[in-house]
Protein backbone atom coordinates (compact mmCIF):
# COMPACT_ATOMS: atom_id res chain seq x y z
CA MET A 1 5.92 7.71 1.37
CA SER A 2 4.86 10.08 -1.79
CA THR A 3 5.63 13.46 -2.02
CA VAL A 4 5.24 15.74 -5.38
CA LYS A 5 5.25 18.94 -5.85
CA SER A 6 2.43 21.52 -6.52
CA ARG A 7 2.00 21.87 -10.33
CA GLY A 8 0.99 25.57 -9.82
CA ILE A 9 -2.62 24.86 -11.97
CA LEU A 10 -4.94 23.11 -9.21
CA VAL A 11 -8.27 21.99 -10.55
CA ASN A 12 -10.61 18.87 -8.84
CA GLN A 13 -8.97 15.90 -10.09
CA ILE A 14 -12.14 14.38 -10.75
CA GLY A 15 -14.02 17.27 -12.22
CA TYR A 16 -17.02 18.86 -12.44
CA ALA A 17 -20.57 19.21 -13.02
CA ALA A 18 -21.64 21.04 -16.09
CA HIS A 19 -23.88 24.08 -14.62
CA HIS A 20 -22.38 24.73 -11.49
CA VAL A 21 -19.84 27.43 -11.15
CA LYS A 22 -16.25 25.79 -12.18
CA GLY A 23 -12.95 27.15 -10.87
CA LEU A 24 -9.40 27.13 -11.03
CA LEU A 25 -6.25 28.43 -9.06
CA LEU A 26 -3.09 29.43 -9.87
CA THR A 27 -0.12 30.11 -7.75
CA GLY A 28 2.13 31.79 -10.29
CA LEU A 29 3.01 35.28 -11.19
CA GLU A 30 0.34 35.16 -14.51
CA PRO A 31 -3.43 35.23 -13.73
CA THR A 32 -3.99 34.11 -18.02
CA PHE A 33 -5.09 30.60 -17.62
CA HIS A 34 -6.02 28.88 -20.99
CA ILE A 35 -8.12 25.57 -21.34
CA TYR A 36 -7.84 22.87 -23.81
CA ASN A 37 -10.39 19.96 -25.11
CA GLU A 38 -7.58 16.42 -24.34
CA MET A 39 -9.23 14.80 -27.07
CA THR A 40 -8.53 16.92 -29.52
CA GLU A 41 -6.19 18.87 -28.26
CA GLU A 42 -8.59 22.13 -29.21
CA LEU A 43 -8.16 25.53 -26.98
CA VAL A 44 -11.59 26.18 -25.95
CA TYR A 45 -11.40 28.87 -23.49
CA SER A 46 -9.36 31.60 -21.97
CA GLY A 47 -9.55 33.54 -19.01
CA GLU A 48 -7.88 36.19 -16.87
CA ALA A 49 -7.68 35.01 -13.10
CA GLU A 50 -9.00 37.23 -10.08
CA GLY A 51 -6.55 38.20 -7.81
CA PRO A 52 -3.33 38.21 -6.59
CA MET A 53 -5.02 37.24 -2.67
CA GLN A 54 -2.60 36.12 0.00
CA ASP A 55 -3.69 32.82 1.50
CA ASP A 56 -2.18 32.29 5.17
CA ASP A 57 -3.74 28.69 6.08
CA SER A 58 -1.68 27.47 3.14
CA GLY A 59 1.07 29.84 3.28
CA SER A 60 0.75 30.92 -0.84
CA VAL A 61 -0.47 33.56 -3.57
CA VAL A 62 -3.32 32.32 -5.26
CA PHE A 63 -5.31 33.57 -8.10
CA GLN A 64 -8.92 32.78 -8.53
CA GLY A 65 -9.96 31.30 -11.93
CA ASP A 66 -13.39 30.84 -13.22
CA PHE A 67 -14.68 29.01 -16.17
CA THR A 68 -17.96 28.37 -15.64
CA GLU A 69 -19.29 29.41 -19.35
CA LEU A 70 -17.63 25.66 -19.93
CA GLN A 71 -20.27 23.09 -20.62
CA THR A 72 -19.77 21.00 -23.32
CA PRO A 73 -18.69 17.04 -22.05
CA GLY A 74 -15.56 16.44 -21.89
CA ARG A 75 -12.20 15.82 -21.07
CA TYR A 76 -9.96 19.11 -20.40
CA TYR A 77 -6.66 19.95 -18.65
CA ALA A 78 -5.52 24.09 -18.13
CA VAL A 79 -1.67 25.63 -19.02
CA ALA A 80 -1.26 29.02 -17.53
CA SER A 81 1.92 30.58 -18.37
CA GLY A 82 5.62 28.60 -17.11
CA MET A 83 3.84 25.99 -15.19
CA GLU A 84 2.83 22.17 -15.83
CA ARG A 85 -0.59 21.52 -17.26
CA SER A 86 -2.90 21.29 -14.58
CA ALA A 87 -4.46 17.47 -14.03
CA SER A 88 -6.76 16.53 -16.47
CA PHE A 89 -10.23 16.80 -15.89
CA ILE A 90 -14.14 15.97 -16.48
CA ILE A 91 -17.10 17.96 -17.22
CA GLU A 92 -20.24 15.92 -16.88
CA GLU A 93 -23.66 16.61 -15.79
CA LYS A 94 -22.71 14.63 -12.65
CA PRO A 95 -18.89 14.51 -12.34
CA TYR A 96 -19.26 12.49 -8.79
CA GLU A 97 -21.19 9.12 -9.99
CA GLU A 98 -18.50 7.08 -10.13
CA LEU A 99 -16.36 8.61 -6.99
CA GLN A 100 -19.82 8.29 -5.02
CA GLN A 101 -19.82 4.67 -5.48
CA GLY A 102 -15.74 3.86 -4.45
CA LEU A 103 -16.47 5.89 -1.08
CA LEU A 104 -19.41 3.77 -0.59
CA LYS A 105 -17.83 0.49 -1.55
CA ALA A 106 -15.21 1.35 0.75
CA PHE A 107 -17.50 0.81 3.46
CA TYR A 108 -17.79 -3.08 1.79
CA TYR A 109 -14.08 -3.26 2.82
CA PHE A 110 -13.91 -1.77 6.24
CA ARG A 111 -16.66 -5.28 7.18
CA CYS A 112 -15.00 -7.16 10.19
CA GLY A 113 -16.16 -10.70 10.51
CA THR A 114 -16.71 -12.10 7.18
CA GLU A 115 -14.07 -12.80 4.42
CA LEU A 116 -14.11 -10.67 1.23
CA GLU A 117 -14.55 -12.61 -1.45
CA GLU A 118 -12.35 -11.83 -4.58
CA GLU A 119 -16.10 -11.30 -6.81
CA PHE A 120 -16.39 -8.09 -4.78
CA ALA A 121 -13.34 -7.00 -3.33
CA GLY A 122 -11.23 -7.78 -5.88
CA PRO A 123 -6.86 -8.22 -5.27
CA TRP A 124 -8.00 -6.20 -2.08
CA GLY A 125 -9.59 -9.55 -0.07
CA HIS A 126 -8.80 -11.03 3.06
CA ALA A 127 -9.81 -13.95 5.02
CA ALA A 128 -12.53 -13.02 8.02
CA CYS A 129 -11.35 -12.08 10.80
CA HIS A 130 -12.34 -11.19 14.51
CA THR A 131 -14.66 -14.02 15.08
CA GLU A 132 -13.88 -15.11 18.55
CA PRO A 133 -16.10 -13.67 20.98
CA GLY A 134 -15.27 -10.72 22.92
CA VAL A 135 -14.88 -10.69 27.13
CA ILE A 136 -16.84 -8.13 29.10
CA TYR A 137 -14.44 -6.24 30.77
CA ASP A 138 -14.30 -6.93 34.47
CA GLN A 139 -16.05 -9.65 33.88
CA ALA A 140 -14.11 -12.38 32.14
CA SER A 141 -16.10 -15.36 32.76
CA GLN A 142 -18.77 -13.88 30.49
CA LYS A 143 -18.59 -14.01 26.62
CA LEU A 144 -20.67 -11.93 24.13
CA ASP A 145 -20.58 -12.50 20.21
CA GLY A 146 -19.29 -9.42 18.49
CA ASN A 147 -19.01 -10.63 15.20
CA GLY A 148 -19.95 -8.16 12.37
CA GLY A 149 -20.25 -5.04 11.62
CA TRP A 150 -17.29 -2.11 10.50
CA HIS A 151 -13.64 -1.86 11.33
CA ASP A 152 -13.90 1.84 12.04
CA ALA A 153 -10.50 3.50 10.90
CA GLY A 154 -6.86 2.37 10.32
CA ASP A 155 -7.31 0.25 13.18
CA TYR A 156 -9.68 -2.67 13.67
CA GLY A 157 -11.50 -1.76 16.52
CA LYS A 158 -15.54 -1.31 16.16
CA TYR A 159 -16.60 1.42 18.21
CA VAL A 160 -20.42 2.76 18.43
CA VAL A 161 -20.37 6.67 19.00
CA PRO A 162 -18.26 6.91 15.21
CA GLY A 163 -20.06 3.45 13.71
CA ALA A 164 -23.71 6.21 14.71
CA LYS A 165 -22.55 9.02 13.04
CA ALA A 166 -21.07 7.24 9.98
CA VAL A 167 -24.61 5.27 9.66
CA ALA A 168 -26.34 8.45 10.29
CA ASP A 169 -24.80 10.22 7.67
CA LEU A 170 -25.53 7.54 4.89
CA LEU A 171 -29.15 6.95 6.02
CA LEU A 172 -29.98 10.35 5.82
CA ALA A 173 -27.90 11.21 2.34
CA PHE A 174 -30.45 8.02 1.26
CA GLU A 175 -33.30 9.72 2.57
CA LEU A 176 -32.85 13.32 1.07
CA TYR A 177 -30.96 11.82 -2.12
CA PRO A 178 -33.10 8.59 -3.10
CA ALA A 179 -32.30 8.84 -6.89
CA ALA A 180 -28.33 9.21 -6.17
CA PHE A 181 -28.87 5.21 -4.88
CA THR A 182 -30.30 3.55 -7.92
CA ALA A 183 -27.07 1.64 -8.94
CA ALA A 184 -25.41 -1.30 -7.48
CA LEU A 185 -22.04 -1.31 -5.73
CA PRO A 186 -22.76 -4.17 -6.44
CA LEU A 187 -22.76 -6.15 -2.71
CA PRO A 188 -22.69 -9.91 -1.81
CA GLU A 189 -26.27 -8.43 -0.71
CA SER A 190 -27.66 -6.87 -3.73
CA ASP A 191 -30.83 -8.02 -4.73
CA GLY A 192 -32.34 -5.13 -6.96
CA ILE A 193 -34.85 -4.79 -4.26
CA MET A 194 -33.34 -2.66 -1.26
CA PRO A 195 -31.00 -0.31 -2.55
CA ASP A 196 -27.08 -1.05 -1.67
CA VAL A 197 -26.52 1.56 0.62
CA LEU A 198 -29.31 0.27 3.00
CA HIS A 199 -27.64 -3.39 2.73
CA GLU A 200 -24.20 -2.09 3.82
CA CYS A 201 -25.82 -0.09 6.71
CA LYS A 202 -27.48 -2.77 8.09
CA VAL A 203 -24.03 -4.50 8.42
CA GLU A 204 -23.38 -2.05 11.42
CA LEU A 205 -26.75 -1.91 12.76
CA GLU A 206 -26.73 -5.53 13.17
CA TRP A 207 -23.47 -5.18 15.40
CA LEU A 208 -24.67 -1.74 17.41
CA PHE A 209 -27.57 -4.75 18.11
CA LYS A 210 -24.78 -6.87 19.73
CA MET A 211 -23.63 -3.77 21.28
CA GLN A 212 -26.22 -3.55 23.10
CA ASN A 213 -26.70 -5.11 26.75
CA GLN A 214 -30.44 -6.79 26.50
CA GLU A 215 -31.34 -6.92 30.12
CA SER A 216 -30.50 -2.87 30.82
CA GLY A 217 -30.66 -1.16 26.94
CA GLY A 218 -27.26 0.55 27.17
CA SER A 219 -24.56 0.38 24.25
CA TYR A 220 -20.66 -1.24 25.35
CA HIS A 221 -18.77 1.80 24.46
CA LYS A 222 -16.30 -0.28 21.91
CA LEU A 223 -15.53 -3.63 21.15
CA THR A 224 -10.83 -3.79 20.37
CA THR A 225 -8.37 -5.48 21.57
CA ARG A 226 -6.41 -4.30 24.21
CA SER A 227 -3.90 -2.61 22.15
CA PHE A 228 -3.39 -1.68 18.58
CA PRO A 229 -1.77 -4.54 16.30
CA ASP A 230 1.23 -3.26 14.60
CA LEU A 231 0.73 -1.43 11.15
CA HIS A 232 1.21 -4.02 9.03
CA VAL A 233 -1.19 -6.84 10.36
CA MET A 234 -3.93 -8.21 8.05
CA PRO A 235 -7.42 -8.08 10.21
CA GLU A 236 -7.47 -12.20 10.43
CA GLU A 237 -4.07 -12.13 11.56
CA ASP A 238 -4.96 -9.88 14.47
CA GLU A 239 -6.09 -12.32 17.04
CA GLY A 240 -5.71 -10.49 20.40
CA GLU A 241 -8.39 -10.92 22.67
CA LEU A 242 -11.25 -8.92 21.93
CA VAL A 243 -12.82 -6.96 24.94
CA PHE A 244 -16.14 -5.07 25.80
CA SER A 245 -15.70 -1.67 27.03
CA PRO A 246 -18.12 -0.40 29.32
CA ILE A 247 -21.29 1.14 28.77
CA SER A 248 -21.66 4.66 27.89
CA ALA A 249 -23.92 7.24 27.97
CA THR A 250 -22.80 8.63 24.82
CA ALA A 251 -22.58 5.60 23.37
CA THR A 252 -26.23 4.33 24.13
CA ALA A 253 -27.38 7.56 23.36
CA CYS A 254 -26.31 7.70 19.65
CA HIS A 255 -27.63 3.75 19.45
CA THR A 256 -30.43 5.01 20.84
CA ALA A 257 -31.33 7.95 17.62
CA VAL A 258 -29.75 5.97 14.77
CA MET A 259 -32.18 3.18 15.68
CA ALA A 260 -35.10 5.53 15.36
CA LEU A 261 -33.61 6.62 12.26
CA ALA A 262 -33.28 3.23 10.45
CA ALA A 263 -36.55 2.35 12.01
CA ARG A 264 -38.23 4.63 9.31
CA LEU A 265 -35.85 4.27 6.39
CA TYR A 266 -36.16 0.53 6.31
CA GLN A 267 -40.24 -0.09 7.18
CA PRO A 268 -40.58 0.38 3.36
CA TYR A 269 -37.70 -2.26 2.97
CA ASP A 270 -37.31 -4.60 5.65
CA ALA A 271 -40.86 -4.25 7.76
CA THR A 272 -39.36 -7.14 10.68
CA PHE A 273 -35.82 -5.11 10.31
CA ALA A 274 -37.21 -1.76 11.34
CA ILE A 275 -39.73 -2.95 14.24
CA GLU A 276 -36.68 -4.32 15.78
CA CYS A 277 -34.41 -1.24 14.83
CA LEU A 278 -37.34 0.78 17.26
CA ARG A 279 -37.16 -2.29 19.87
CA SER A 280 -33.49 -1.48 20.32
CA SER A 281 -34.07 2.11 20.37
CA LEU A 282 -36.84 2.08 22.90
CA ASN A 283 -34.89 0.32 24.96
CA GLY A 284 -32.04 2.47 25.01
CA TYR A 285 -33.98 5.03 26.04
CA ARG A 286 -34.95 3.59 28.62
CA TRP A 287 -31.42 3.57 30.06
CA LEU A 288 -30.91 6.91 28.92
CA ASP A 289 -34.27 7.77 31.51
CA ASN A 290 -32.73 5.54 34.07
CA HIS A 291 -29.40 6.98 34.12
CA PRO A 292 -29.77 10.78 33.75
CA GLN A 293 -26.70 11.75 35.18
CA ALA A 294 -23.86 8.92 34.03
CA PRO A 295 -20.22 9.51 34.08
CA GLY A 296 -18.19 10.70 30.67
CA PHE A 297 -16.13 7.40 29.30
CA THR A 298 -12.70 6.92 29.44
CA ASN A 299 -10.41 4.08 28.31
CA PRO A 300 -10.56 1.59 31.56
CA GLU A 301 -7.12 0.45 32.84
CA GLY A 302 -5.12 -1.62 30.30
CA ILE A 303 -7.30 -0.60 26.99
CA THR A 304 -4.53 1.56 24.80
CA THR A 305 -7.06 1.09 21.72
CA GLY A 306 -9.13 4.74 20.44
CA GLU A 307 -11.13 6.24 23.39
CA TYR A 308 -13.65 8.50 21.90
CA GLY A 309 -14.58 10.04 25.13
CA ASP A 310 -16.45 13.11 25.76
CA ASP A 311 -17.90 14.69 29.01
CA GLN A 312 -20.82 16.05 27.47
CA ASP A 313 -23.87 13.67 26.61
CA VAL A 314 -26.76 16.37 26.55
CA ASP A 315 -25.99 17.03 22.53
CA GLU A 316 -26.38 12.93 22.06
CA ARG A 317 -29.44 13.19 24.38
CA PHE A 318 -31.08 16.15 22.02
CA TRP A 319 -30.49 13.68 18.94
CA ALA A 320 -32.09 10.65 20.70
CA ALA A 321 -35.09 13.18 21.76
CA ALA A 322 -35.45 13.66 17.91
CA GLU A 323 -35.29 10.80 15.97
CA LEU A 324 -38.11 9.08 18.78
CA TYR A 325 -40.13 11.67 18.29
CA ARG A 326 -39.65 11.89 14.50
CA THR A 327 -40.35 8.41 14.20
CA THR A 328 -43.21 7.62 16.96
CA GLY A 329 -44.95 11.14 17.77
CA ASP A 330 -45.01 10.45 20.81
CA GLU A 331 -45.42 13.67 22.73
CA MET A 332 -42.91 12.49 25.80
CA TYR A 333 -39.89 12.62 23.35
CA HIS A 334 -41.00 15.94 22.32
CA LYS A 335 -41.08 16.67 25.90
CA GLN A 336 -37.73 16.27 26.73
CA LEU A 337 -36.40 17.76 23.08
CA ARG A 338 -37.57 20.85 24.28
CA LYS A 339 -35.95 20.32 27.78
CA LEU A 340 -32.90 19.48 26.61
CA ALA A 341 -33.08 21.94 23.69
CA GLU A 342 -32.97 24.93 26.72
CA GLU A 343 -29.39 23.53 27.27
CA GLU A 344 -25.94 25.05 26.12
CA PHE A 345 -23.95 23.12 23.64
CA SER A 346 -23.84 23.12 19.90
CA LYS A 347 -26.44 22.25 18.06
CA THR A 348 -25.27 22.70 14.61
CA GLU A 349 -22.12 20.09 14.66
CA LEU A 350 -22.31 17.30 12.95
CA GLY A 351 -19.29 15.46 14.29
CA TRP A 352 -18.78 12.37 16.62
CA ALA A 353 -18.30 14.61 19.37
CA ASP A 354 -21.21 16.96 19.26
CA MET A 355 -24.27 15.30 17.34
CA GLY A 356 -26.22 18.17 18.23
CA GLY A 357 -26.71 19.25 14.64
CA TYR A 358 -28.43 15.58 13.98
CA GLY A 359 -30.91 16.55 16.81
CA THR A 360 -31.33 19.99 15.15
CA PHE A 361 -31.68 18.88 11.48
CA SER A 362 -33.99 15.44 12.54
CA TYR A 363 -36.63 18.37 14.02
CA LEU A 364 -36.29 20.60 11.28
CA LEU A 365 -36.95 18.29 8.56
CA ASN A 366 -39.98 17.06 10.10
CA GLY A 367 -41.51 19.98 9.07
CA GLU A 368 -43.24 22.85 11.62
CA GLY A 369 -46.59 21.16 11.57
CA GLY A 370 -46.19 18.88 15.10
CA SER A 371 -42.98 20.97 16.42
CA ASP A 372 -43.12 23.66 18.76
CA PRO A 373 -43.13 27.31 16.90
CA GLN A 374 -40.48 28.47 19.28
CA VAL A 375 -38.25 25.73 19.35
CA TYR A 376 -38.35 25.12 15.36
CA ALA A 377 -37.91 28.69 14.51
CA LEU A 378 -34.82 28.93 17.10
CA LEU A 379 -33.49 26.26 15.80
CA LYS A 380 -33.70 26.93 12.92
CA GLN A 381 -32.49 30.97 12.61
CA GLN A 382 -28.92 28.65 14.22
CA VAL A 383 -28.48 27.22 11.37
CA LEU A 384 -29.11 29.71 8.94
CA ALA A 385 -26.71 31.87 10.92
CA GLU A 386 -23.97 29.20 10.66
CA ALA A 387 -24.33 28.45 7.41
CA ASP A 388 -23.90 32.15 6.35
CA ARG A 389 -21.05 32.47 8.84
CA LEU A 390 -19.13 29.99 5.89
CA LEU A 391 -19.86 31.29 3.47
CA LYS A 392 -18.27 34.19 5.33
CA VAL A 393 -15.39 32.33 6.76
CA ALA A 394 -14.80 31.13 2.31
CA SER A 395 -15.17 34.59 1.09
CA HIS A 396 -11.96 35.39 2.68
CA ASN A 397 -10.39 31.86 2.19
CA GLY A 398 -7.68 31.50 -0.75
CA TYR A 399 -9.19 28.10 -1.58
CA GLN A 400 -12.67 28.50 -1.07
CA ILE A 401 -13.54 27.09 1.29
CA ALA A 402 -15.11 27.29 4.74
CA MET A 403 -12.20 26.25 6.93
CA GLU A 404 -9.63 28.86 9.18
CA GLU A 405 -6.36 28.10 10.30
CA GLN A 406 -7.53 26.36 13.85
CA ASP A 407 -9.59 23.57 11.64
CA TYR A 408 -6.74 21.81 10.41
CA ILE A 409 -6.53 19.72 12.87
CA TRP A 410 -6.57 15.77 13.58
CA GLY A 411 -9.71 14.70 10.69
CA SER A 412 -9.31 18.32 9.08
CA ASN A 413 -11.60 16.73 6.22
CA MET A 414 -14.03 15.38 8.49
CA VAL A 415 -14.46 19.45 9.06
CA LEU A 416 -14.17 20.15 5.54
CA LEU A 417 -16.87 17.64 4.66
CA ASN A 418 -18.94 18.23 8.13
CA ARG A 419 -19.63 21.82 6.93
CA ALA A 420 -20.56 20.56 2.84
CA MET A 421 -22.83 18.41 4.59
CA PHE A 422 -24.27 21.17 6.76
CA VAL A 423 -24.44 23.96 4.04
CA LEU A 424 -26.24 21.19 1.81
CA LEU A 425 -28.71 20.00 4.73
CA ALA A 426 -29.46 23.65 5.81
CA CYS A 427 -30.21 24.01 1.57
CA GLU A 428 -33.11 22.05 2.34
CA LEU A 429 -34.25 23.73 5.11
CA GLU A 430 -33.80 27.55 2.80
CA PRO A 431 -33.25 26.94 -0.62
CA ASP A 432 -30.19 29.11 -1.65
CA LEU A 433 -27.89 28.25 -4.38
CA ARG A 434 -24.61 29.86 -2.55
CA TYR A 435 -24.86 27.25 0.15
CA ILE A 436 -24.63 24.52 -2.95
CA GLU A 437 -22.02 25.93 -4.15
CA LEU A 438 -19.96 26.09 -1.27
CA ALA A 439 -20.70 22.57 -0.56
CA ASP A 440 -19.17 22.07 -4.46
CA SER A 441 -15.80 23.82 -3.08
CA HIS A 442 -15.47 21.56 -0.02
CA LEU A 443 -15.61 18.26 -2.64
CA HIS A 444 -12.94 20.73 -5.61
CA TYR A 445 -10.28 21.10 -2.06
CA LEU A 446 -10.52 16.89 -1.43
CA LEU A 447 -9.96 15.86 -4.39
CA GLY A 448 -7.03 17.94 -5.86
CA ARG A 449 -7.91 21.85 -5.40
CA ASN A 450 -5.97 22.54 -2.80
CA VAL A 451 -2.46 23.89 -1.94
CA LEU A 452 -0.42 20.25 -2.29
CA ASP A 453 -2.17 19.52 -5.26
CA VAL A 454 -3.60 16.08 -4.36
CA CYS A 455 -6.72 14.05 -4.08
CA TYR A 456 -7.51 12.99 -0.97
CA VAL A 457 -9.52 10.11 -1.72
CA THR A 458 -7.31 6.81 -2.37
CA GLY A 459 -8.26 5.38 -6.06
CA PHE A 460 -9.44 8.74 -7.57
CA GLY A 461 -7.51 11.40 -9.04
CA ASP A 462 -4.11 11.81 -10.75
CA ARG A 463 -2.89 12.40 -7.68
CA PRO A 464 -4.16 10.70 -4.93
CA ILE A 465 -3.09 9.11 -1.93
CA LEU A 466 -0.87 5.90 -2.00
CA TYR A 467 0.08 5.49 1.65
CA PRO A 468 -2.64 5.66 4.19
CA HIS A 469 -2.58 4.64 7.73
CA HIS A 470 -4.76 1.72 7.28
CA ARG A 471 -3.70 -1.80 8.14
CA PRO A 472 -4.48 -3.96 5.36
CA SER A 473 -3.58 -1.42 2.53
CA ALA A 474 0.06 -1.48 4.39
CA ALA A 475 0.13 -4.81 5.17
CA ASP A 476 -1.74 -7.12 1.99
CA ALA A 477 0.55 -7.68 -1.22
CA VAL A 478 -0.74 -5.23 -3.34
CA ILE A 479 0.54 -1.92 -4.60
CA GLU A 480 -2.32 0.02 -4.74
CA PRO A 481 -4.15 1.13 -1.28
CA VAL A 482 -7.86 0.19 -0.87
CA PRO A 483 -9.75 2.47 -3.14
CA GLY A 484 -11.71 5.45 -2.47
CA LEU A 485 -11.21 6.22 1.68
CA VAL A 486 -10.96 9.84 2.53
CA SER A 487 -7.33 10.81 4.05
CA GLY A 488 -7.86 12.84 7.57
CA GLY A 489 -5.68 15.72 6.14
CA PRO A 490 -3.35 18.41 6.82
CA ASN A 491 -2.89 18.85 11.02
CA ARG A 492 -0.92 21.92 12.34
CA HIS A 493 -0.41 20.07 15.47
CA LEU A 494 1.23 17.52 14.56
CA ASN A 495 0.43 14.85 16.32
CA ASP A 496 2.41 11.70 15.12
CA GLU A 497 6.62 11.68 15.19
CA CYS A 498 6.45 11.45 11.09
CA LEU A 499 4.50 15.03 10.73
CA LYS A 500 6.77 16.53 13.25
CA GLU A 501 10.05 15.23 11.13
CA GLN A 502 8.63 15.76 8.15
CA VAL A 503 6.62 19.28 7.70
CA SER A 504 7.32 21.09 11.10
CA GLY A 505 6.80 24.60 10.52
CA GLN A 506 5.34 24.07 7.31
CA PRO A 507 1.70 26.24 7.06
CA ALA A 508 -1.39 24.89 8.49
CA ALA A 509 -2.98 23.84 5.20
CA ALA A 510 0.15 22.23 4.35
CA CYS A 511 0.89 20.26 7.18
CA PHE A 512 0.30 16.82 5.48
CA ILE A 513 2.39 13.85 4.27
CA ASP A 514 1.47 10.75 2.55
CA HIS A 515 3.08 8.07 4.75
CA GLU A 516 1.72 5.05 6.35
CA ALA A 517 3.21 5.79 9.45
CA SER A 518 1.71 9.52 9.71
CA TYR A 519 -1.38 8.49 11.61
CA ALA A 520 -2.81 12.07 12.77
CA GLY A 521 -2.72 12.89 9.39
CA ASN A 522 -3.16 10.31 6.57
CA GLU A 523 -5.00 7.95 8.28
CA VAL A 524 -8.76 6.83 7.19
CA THR A 525 -12.20 6.20 8.71
CA ILE A 526 -15.60 5.03 8.27
CA TYR A 527 -16.61 8.75 9.83
CA TRP A 528 -14.44 11.03 7.47
CA ASN A 529 -15.90 8.74 4.30
CA SER A 530 -19.75 8.96 5.67
CA PRO A 531 -20.00 12.58 5.16
CA ALA A 532 -18.01 12.36 1.49
CA VAL A 533 -20.48 9.99 0.44
CA PHE A 534 -23.62 12.43 2.07
CA VAL A 535 -21.91 14.96 -0.34
CA THR A 536 -21.26 13.36 -3.19
CA ALA A 537 -25.16 12.32 -3.39
CA GLY A 538 -26.33 16.26 -3.11
CA MET A 539 -24.27 16.67 -5.99
CA ASN A 540 -25.48 13.54 -7.98
CA ARG A 541 -29.63 13.83 -6.57
């Protein structure tokens, strides 16, 4: 467990882009701040922060300081009366390049079914795990190969729906910001031809192939043991029987959508694989067409691993139709998209449960040519209205983020990063510097400019998360956790005993503790890392 006192001067512990807005926050009584060059100890900037402003979500009073004028590359720190000096930070043209690499490399550490070799994993390697075939639920005599893919989170389950979201985030980041993915990570597959982000996504996509029933086209919802192993169990020591949970509409629709997306992006690099992705997508769509009223997924009896249940599948079907229309141009999918767009569901969310935003952006980024003018205009209006709403929310937040008290839930940092991703996507449709600045502010929060003065990414910043709820990090012999993992963040609902015991009564944004037992606050997941990769890539474009 790690507990530290805030220094009172809150900065992005990584750094700031030289020509972007730069800000710090003060939680003391004096608004004057000074910035020094760390190498020369020269005073380079002094300013007066605006405020004070009461921030109810964090229970703090803050002054907001701006030092945008300081653009000279270097390493700096800030001081103010009566406070410790701040974390040091860099100013560079692209301060997030190393961070983006770390966030992306984390997916390699999530790999299942293969040995993580020291050459690529450093001290965080381990033997191959979960290599045995799995049984199909209620069909114990049938076994299937489910080897490969990524562990979902701090546990070792593998789930189609969140896996599809994670892959979609990474592929969208590459599609929009290819220049941010030119450097090798490296990976065992690195070849200097296909970008490593595509190599890594291929690991999960090839596993998704195995989750599809080849006869019907439906996707099994997940592949897990019947219950979670203890926290201090390495992946190769988790030897419980693997079970394919029943096929679900949400898993099948997400599979269909992400395969259609992959078919487009892999075409220039691996045409054979792209064809396989499209064939799999079409097979999934056939199942959806044959099962228009499939029930929502709930854990079958005897399975207690993560459920990822969802009573509504119209948003996932909408995404699937949008991606297939964009990839194939077939009017059949356009007709289905227009029909689904008439139904009531969020068309702007980017979460694993609410996937409508992916369908919306797929349709809008395809351009107005070939679109239905009314549907295009309506979807674009909804996107811009939501982006402007987020700007308004952030203007009333002391930490300059588009978060309100009710947003500090299990995985609040996913909410934060999804919203940063959303405004960057909105900026592709309607360029607006305010959207970029808001996304940047969300990164500042994640990387230390928050009430707890912590960096919510393992291995980065001077006060990073040290004890994530992540089985390999807890069970291995390495003191430092696996690097590049995004922690779930503050959770006002206190959904685990550790949070209840340690932070009860705290304001929403302070309901967090860096403790390995806090699965509802300090767990890590692939789909919290994936929007972080998207946002950092957007800043590194």
